[in-house]
Amino acid sequence: VLRRPDVFHAAAAGAGVTDQHLYD
């Protein structure tokens, strides 16, 4: 939804990694 709003008109997103430095 952030990068391709021309294709996707809505998003429901749970427990996603947004900053890859935060994962193991």
PDB file of all heavy atoms in Angstrom:
ATOM      1  N   VAL A   1       0.819  -1.206   0.000  1.00  0.00           N
ATOM      2  CA  VAL A   1       0.000   0.000   0.000  1.00  0.00           C
ATOM      3  C   VAL A   1       0.856   1.260   0.000  1.00  0.00           C
ATOM      4  O   VAL A   1       0.428   2.317  -0.505  1.00  0.00           O
ATOM      5  CB  VAL A   1      -0.980  -0.037   1.191  1.00  0.00           C
ATOM      6  CG1 VAL A   1      -0.296   0.334   2.489  1.00  0.00           C
ATOM      7  CG2 VAL A   1      -2.202   0.809   0.945  1.00  0.00           C
ATOM      8  N   LEU A   2       2.081   1.164   0.533  1.00  0.00           N
ATOM      9  CA  LEU A   2       2.971   2.330   0.555  1.00  0.00           C
ATOM     10  C   LEU A   2       3.654   2.547  -0.790  1.00  0.00           C
ATOM     11  O   LEU A   2       3.802   3.694  -1.242  1.00  0.00           O
ATOM     12  CB  LEU A   2       4.026   2.157   1.645  1.00  0.00           C
ATOM     13  CG  LEU A   2       3.549   2.263   3.092  1.00  0.00           C
ATOM     14  CD1 LEU A   2       4.642   1.791   4.053  1.00  0.00           C
ATOM     15  CD2 LEU A   2       3.135   3.692   3.420  1.00  0.00           C
ATOM     16  N   ARG A   3       4.048   1.460  -1.431  1.00  0.00           N
ATOM     17  CA  ARG A   3       4.867   1.581  -2.636  1.00  0.00           C
ATOM     18  C   ARG A   3       4.082   1.441  -3.934  1.00  0.00           C
ATOM     19  O   ARG A   3       4.539   1.917  -4.968  1.00  0.00           O
ATOM     20  CB  ARG A   3       5.993   0.536  -2.597  1.00  0.00           C
ATOM     21  CG  ARG A   3       6.946   0.754  -1.423  1.00  0.00           C
ATOM     22  CD  ARG A   3       8.082  -0.248  -1.397  1.00  0.00           C
ATOM     23  NE  ARG A   3       9.020   0.070  -0.320  1.00  0.00           N
ATOM     24  CZ  ARG A   3      10.150  -0.586  -0.083  1.00  0.00           C
ATOM     25  NH1 ARG A   3      10.480  -1.618  -0.844  1.00  0.00           N
ATOM     26  NH2 ARG A   3      10.930  -0.227   0.912  1.00  0.00           N
ATOM     27  N   ARG A   4       2.944   0.772  -3.893  1.00  0.00           N
ATOM     28  CA  ARG A   4       2.169   0.594  -5.121  1.00  0.00           C
ATOM     29  C   ARG A   4       0.699   0.947  -4.908  1.00  0.00           C
ATOM     30  O   ARG A   4      -0.194   0.119  -5.078  1.00  0.00           O
ATOM     31  CB  ARG A   4       2.309  -0.843  -5.618  1.00  0.00           C
ATOM     32  CG  ARG A   4       3.702  -1.223  -6.075  1.00  0.00           C
ATOM     33  CD  ARG A   4       4.236  -0.328  -7.212  1.00  0.00           C
ATOM     34  NE  ARG A   4       3.369  -0.330  -8.370  1.00  0.00           N
ATOM     35  CZ  ARG A   4       3.503  -1.182  -9.379  1.00  0.00           C
ATOM     36  NH1 ARG A   4       4.471  -2.090  -9.354  1.00  0.00           N
ATOM     37  NH2 ARG A   4       2.701  -1.116 -10.422  1.00  0.00           N
ATOM     38  N   PRO A   5       0.428   2.200  -4.557  1.00  0.00           N
ATOM     39  CA  PRO A   5      -0.977   2.603  -4.389  1.00  0.00           C
ATOM     40  C   PRO A   5      -1.747   2.594  -5.702  1.00  0.00           C
ATOM     41  O   PRO A   5      -2.986   2.659  -5.682  1.00  0.00           O
ATOM     42  CB  PRO A   5      -0.864   4.015  -3.808  1.00  0.00           C
ATOM     43  CG  PRO A   5       0.467   4.509  -4.276  1.00  0.00           C
ATOM     44  CD  PRO A   5       1.364   3.311  -4.288  1.00  0.00           C
ATOM     45  N   ASP A   6      -1.034   2.504  -6.830  1.00  0.00           N
ATOM     46  CA  ASP A   6      -1.712   2.393  -8.116  1.00  0.00           C
ATOM     47  C   ASP A   6      -2.393   1.036  -8.286  1.00  0.00           C
ATOM     48  O   ASP A   6      -3.325   0.897  -9.083  1.00  0.00           O
ATOM     49  CB  ASP A   6      -0.719   2.609  -9.256  1.00  0.00           C
ATOM     50  CG  ASP A   6       0.450   1.629  -9.205  1.00  0.00           C
ATOM     51  OD1 ASP A   6       0.994   1.414  -8.098  1.00  0.00           O
ATOM     52  OD2 ASP A   6       0.838   1.096 -10.256  1.00  0.00           O
ATOM     53  N   VAL A   7      -1.931   0.048  -7.521  1.00  0.00           N
ATOM     54  CA  VAL A   7      -2.490  -1.303  -7.605  1.00  0.00           C
ATOM     55  C   VAL A   7      -3.351  -1.626  -6.395  1.00  0.00           C
ATOM     56  O   VAL A   7      -4.450  -2.176  -6.530  1.00  0.00           O
ATOM     57  CB  VAL A   7      -1.358  -2.349  -7.733  1.00  0.00           C
ATOM     58  CG1 VAL A   7      -1.928  -3.766  -7.722  1.00  0.00           C
ATOM     59  CG2 VAL A   7      -0.536  -2.103  -8.988  1.00  0.00           C
ATOM     60  N   PHE A   8      -2.865  -1.256  -5.203  1.00  0.00           N
ATOM     61  CA  PHE A   8      -3.528  -1.647  -3.960  1.00  0.00           C
ATOM     62  C   PHE A   8      -4.253  -0.446  -3.360  1.00  0.00           C
ATOM     63  O   PHE A   8      -3.656   0.610  -3.156  1.00  0.00           O
ATOM     64  CB  PHE A   8      -2.500  -2.190  -2.969  1.00  0.00           C
ATOM     65  CG  PHE A   8      -1.791  -3.423  -3.473  1.00  0.00           C
ATOM     66  CD1 PHE A   8      -0.555  -3.321  -4.099  1.00  0.00           C
ATOM     67  CD2 PHE A   8      -2.375  -4.668  -3.344  1.00  0.00           C
ATOM     68  CE1 PHE A   8       0.094  -4.448  -4.579  1.00  0.00           C
ATOM     69  CE2 PHE A   8      -1.735  -5.803  -3.818  1.00  0.00           C
ATOM     70  CZ  PHE A   8      -0.500  -5.698  -4.442  1.00  0.00           C
ATOM     71  N   HIS A   9      -5.526  -0.652  -3.051  1.00  0.00           N
ATOM     72  CA  HIS A   9      -6.365   0.445  -2.591  1.00  0.00           C
ATOM     73  C   HIS A   9      -6.592   0.439  -1.086  1.00  0.00           C
ATOM     74  O   HIS A   9      -7.178   1.390  -0.549  1.00  0.00           O
ATOM     75  CB  HIS A   9      -7.707   0.398  -3.329  1.00  0.00           C
ATOM     76  CG  HIS A   9      -7.545   0.368  -4.826  1.00  0.00           C
ATOM     77  ND1 HIS A   9      -7.609  -0.794  -5.557  1.00  0.00           N
ATOM     78  CD2 HIS A   9      -7.280   1.358  -5.707  1.00  0.00           C
ATOM     79  CE1 HIS A   9      -7.409  -0.519  -6.841  1.00  0.00           C
ATOM     80  NE2 HIS A   9      -7.200   0.776  -6.963  1.00  0.00           N
ATOM     81  N   ALA A  10      -6.134  -0.606  -0.391  1.00  0.00           N
ATOM     82  CA  ALA A  10      -6.242  -0.675   1.068  1.00  0.00           C
ATOM     83  C   ALA A  10      -5.394  -1.840   1.547  1.00  0.00           C
ATOM     84  O   ALA A  10      -5.126  -2.787   0.796  1.00  0.00           O
ATOM     85  CB  ALA A  10      -7.691  -0.858   1.513  1.00  0.00           C
ATOM     86  N   ALA A  11      -4.976  -1.764   2.828  1.00  0.00           N
ATOM     87  CA  ALA A  11      -4.177  -2.845   3.404  1.00  0.00           C
ATOM     88  C   ALA A  11      -4.481  -2.978   4.884  1.00  0.00           C
ATOM     89  O   ALA A  11      -4.617  -1.980   5.596  1.00  0.00           O
ATOM     90  CB  ALA A  11      -2.686  -2.592   3.196  1.00  0.00           C
ATOM     91  N   ALA A  12      -4.583  -4.242   5.348  1.00  0.00           N
ATOM     92  CA  ALA A  12      -4.676  -4.563   6.771  1.00  0.00           C
ATOM     93  C   ALA A  12      -3.422  -5.360   7.115  1.00  0.00           C
ATOM     94  O   ALA A  12      -3.245  -6.477   6.619  1.00  0.00           O
ATOM     95  CB  ALA A  12      -5.931  -5.371   7.070  1.00  0.00           C
ATOM     96  N   ALA A  13      -2.547  -4.776   7.935  1.00  0.00           N
ATOM     97  CA  ALA A  13      -1.219  -5.334   8.162  1.00  0.00           C
ATOM     98  C   ALA A  13      -0.985  -5.584   9.642  1.00  0.00           C
ATOM     99  O   ALA A  13      -1.116  -4.667  10.460  1.00  0.00           O
ATOM    100  CB  ALA A  13      -0.142  -4.386   7.607  1.00  0.00           C
ATOM    101  N   GLY A  14      -0.618  -6.829   9.979  1.00  0.00           N
ATOM    102  CA  GLY A  14      -0.371  -7.179  11.367  1.00  0.00           C
ATOM    103  C   GLY A  14       1.037  -7.658  11.614  1.00  0.00           C
ATOM    104  O   GLY A  14       1.591  -8.441  10.831  1.00  0.00           O
ATOM    105  N   ALA A  15       1.650  -7.184  12.695  1.00  0.00           N
ATOM    106  CA  ALA A  15       2.930  -7.687  13.208  1.00  0.00           C
ATOM    107  C   ALA A  15       4.017  -7.713  12.152  1.00  0.00           C
ATOM    108  O   ALA A  15       4.789  -8.665  12.059  1.00  0.00           O
ATOM    109  CB  ALA A  15       2.752  -9.070  13.820  1.00  0.00           C
ATOM    110  N   GLY A  16       4.104  -6.659  11.352  1.00  0.00           N
ATOM    111  CA  GLY A  16       5.124  -6.604  10.316  1.00  0.00           C
ATOM    112  C   GLY A  16       6.416  -5.978  10.807  1.00  0.00           C
ATOM    113  O   GLY A  16       6.422  -5.145  11.713  1.00  0.00           O
ATOM    114  N   VAL A  17       7.534  -6.388  10.191  1.00  0.00           N
ATOM    115  CA  VAL A  17       8.830  -5.769  10.456  1.00  0.00           C
ATOM    116  C   VAL A  17       8.957  -4.558   9.545  1.00  0.00           C
ATOM    117  O   VAL A  17       8.941  -4.690   8.321  1.00  0.00           O
ATOM    118  CB  VAL A  17       9.988  -6.757  10.206  1.00  0.00           C
ATOM    119  CG1 VAL A  17      11.326  -6.072  10.455  1.00  0.00           C
ATOM    120  CG2 VAL A  17       9.852  -7.983  11.089  1.00  0.00           C
ATOM    121  N   THR A  18       9.080  -3.389  10.122  1.00  0.00           N
ATOM    122  CA  THR A  18       9.190  -2.161   9.332  1.00  0.00           C
ATOM    123  C   THR A  18      10.628  -1.657   9.246  1.00  0.00           C
ATOM    124  O   THR A  18      11.023  -1.072   8.252  1.00  0.00           O
ATOM    125  CB  THR A  18       8.312  -1.055   9.934  1.00  0.00           C
ATOM    126  OG1 THR A  18       8.746  -0.779  11.270  1.00  0.00           O
ATOM    127  CG2 THR A  18       6.855  -1.486   9.971  1.00  0.00           C
ATOM    128  N   ASP A  19      11.409  -1.877  10.304  1.00  0.00           N
ATOM    129  CA  ASP A  19      12.832  -1.544  10.328  1.00  0.00           C
ATOM    130  C   ASP A  19      13.588  -2.855  10.472  1.00  0.00           C
ATOM    131  O   ASP A  19      13.524  -3.510  11.516  1.00  0.00           O
ATOM    132  CB  ASP A  19      13.139  -0.611  11.507  1.00  0.00           C
ATOM    133  CG  ASP A  19      14.611  -0.222  11.583  1.00  0.00           C
ATOM    134  OD1 ASP A  19      15.443  -0.836  10.877  1.00  0.00           O
ATOM    135  OD2 ASP A  19      14.945   0.683  12.368  1.00  0.00           O
ATOM    136  N   GLN A  20      14.309  -3.259   9.417  1.00  0.00           N
ATOM    137  CA  GLN A  20      14.916  -4.583   9.389  1.00  0.00           C
ATOM    138  C   GLN A  20      16.014  -4.758  10.434  1.00  0.00           C
ATOM    139  O   GLN A  20      16.394  -5.889  10.756  1.00  0.00           O
ATOM    140  CB  GLN A  20      15.472  -4.873   7.990  1.00  0.00           C
ATOM    141  CG  GLN A  20      14.450  -4.699   6.876  1.00  0.00           C
ATOM    142  CD  GLN A  20      13.173  -5.481   7.115  1.00  0.00           C
ATOM    143  OE1 GLN A  20      13.222  -6.666   7.431  1.00  0.00           O
ATOM    144  NE2 GLN A  20      12.022  -4.821   6.976  1.00  0.00           N
ATOM    145  N   HIS A  21      16.533  -3.653  10.987  1.00  0.00           N
ATOM    146  CA  HIS A  21      17.522  -3.754  12.060  1.00  0.00           C
ATOM    147  C   HIS A  21      16.920  -4.317  13.348  1.00  0.00           C
ATOM    148  O   HIS A  21      17.662  -4.743  14.238  1.00  0.00           O
ATOM    149  CB  HIS A  21      18.129  -2.372  12.365  1.00  0.00           C
ATOM    150  CG  HIS A  21      18.890  -1.778  11.221  1.00  0.00           C
ATOM    151  ND1 HIS A  21      18.270  -1.060  10.222  1.00  0.00           N
ATOM    152  CD2 HIS A  21      20.216  -1.790  10.917  1.00  0.00           C
ATOM    153  CE1 HIS A  21      19.181  -0.648   9.347  1.00  0.00           C
ATOM    154  NE2 HIS A  21      20.366  -1.084   9.743  1.00  0.00           N
ATOM    155  N   LEU A  22      15.591  -4.331  13.446  1.00  0.00           N
ATOM    156  CA  LEU A  22      14.942  -4.768  14.680  1.00  0.00           C
ATOM    157  C   LEU A  22      14.732  -6.272  14.755  1.00  0.00           C
ATOM    158  O   LEU A  22      14.336  -6.783  15.798  1.00  0.00           O
ATOM    159  CB  LEU A  22      13.591  -4.054  14.838  1.00  0.00           C
ATOM    160  CG  LEU A  22      13.632  -2.551  15.081  1.00  0.00           C
ATOM    161  CD1 LEU A  22      12.215  -1.981  15.101  1.00  0.00           C
ATOM    162  CD2 LEU A  22      14.356  -2.227  16.378  1.00  0.00           C
ATOM    163  N   TYR A  23      14.994  -6.984  13.633  1.00  0.00           N
ATOM    164  CA  TYR A  23      14.761  -8.430  13.645  1.00  0.00           C
ATOM    165  C   TYR A  23      16.061  -9.169  13.933  1.00  0.00           C
ATOM    166  O   TYR A  23      17.150  -8.605  13.911  1.00  0.00           O
ATOM    167  CB  TYR A  23      14.145  -8.891  12.323  1.00  0.00           C
ATOM    168  CG  TYR A  23      13.307 -10.140  12.488  1.00  0.00           C
ATOM    169  CD1 TYR A  23      12.205 -10.147  13.326  1.00  0.00           C
ATOM    170  CD2 TYR A  23      13.630 -11.311  11.810  1.00  0.00           C
ATOM    171  CE1 TYR A  23      11.435 -11.295  13.492  1.00  0.00           C
ATOM    172  CE2 TYR A  23      12.867 -12.459  11.962  1.00  0.00           C
ATOM    173  CZ  TYR A  23      11.778 -12.444  12.809  1.00  0.00           C
ATOM    174  OH  TYR A  23      11.023 -13.574  12.977  1.00  0.00           O
ATOM    175  N   ASP A  24      15.968 -10.499  14.175  1.00  0.00           N
ATOM    176  CA  ASP A  24      17.117 -11.218  14.725  1.00  0.00           C
ATOM    177  C   ASP A  24      18.223 -11.452  13.700  1.00  0.00           C
ATOM    178  O   ASP A  24      18.006 -11.442  12.487  1.00  0.00           O
ATOM    179  CB  ASP A  24      16.673 -12.536  15.380  1.00  0.00           C
ATOM    180  CG  ASP A  24      16.423 -13.670  14.395  1.00  0.00           C
ATOM    181  OD1 ASP A  24      17.373 -14.143  13.777  1.00  0.00           O
ATOM    182  OD2 ASP A  24      15.262 -14.100  14.274  1.00  0.00           O
TER     183      ASP A  24
END
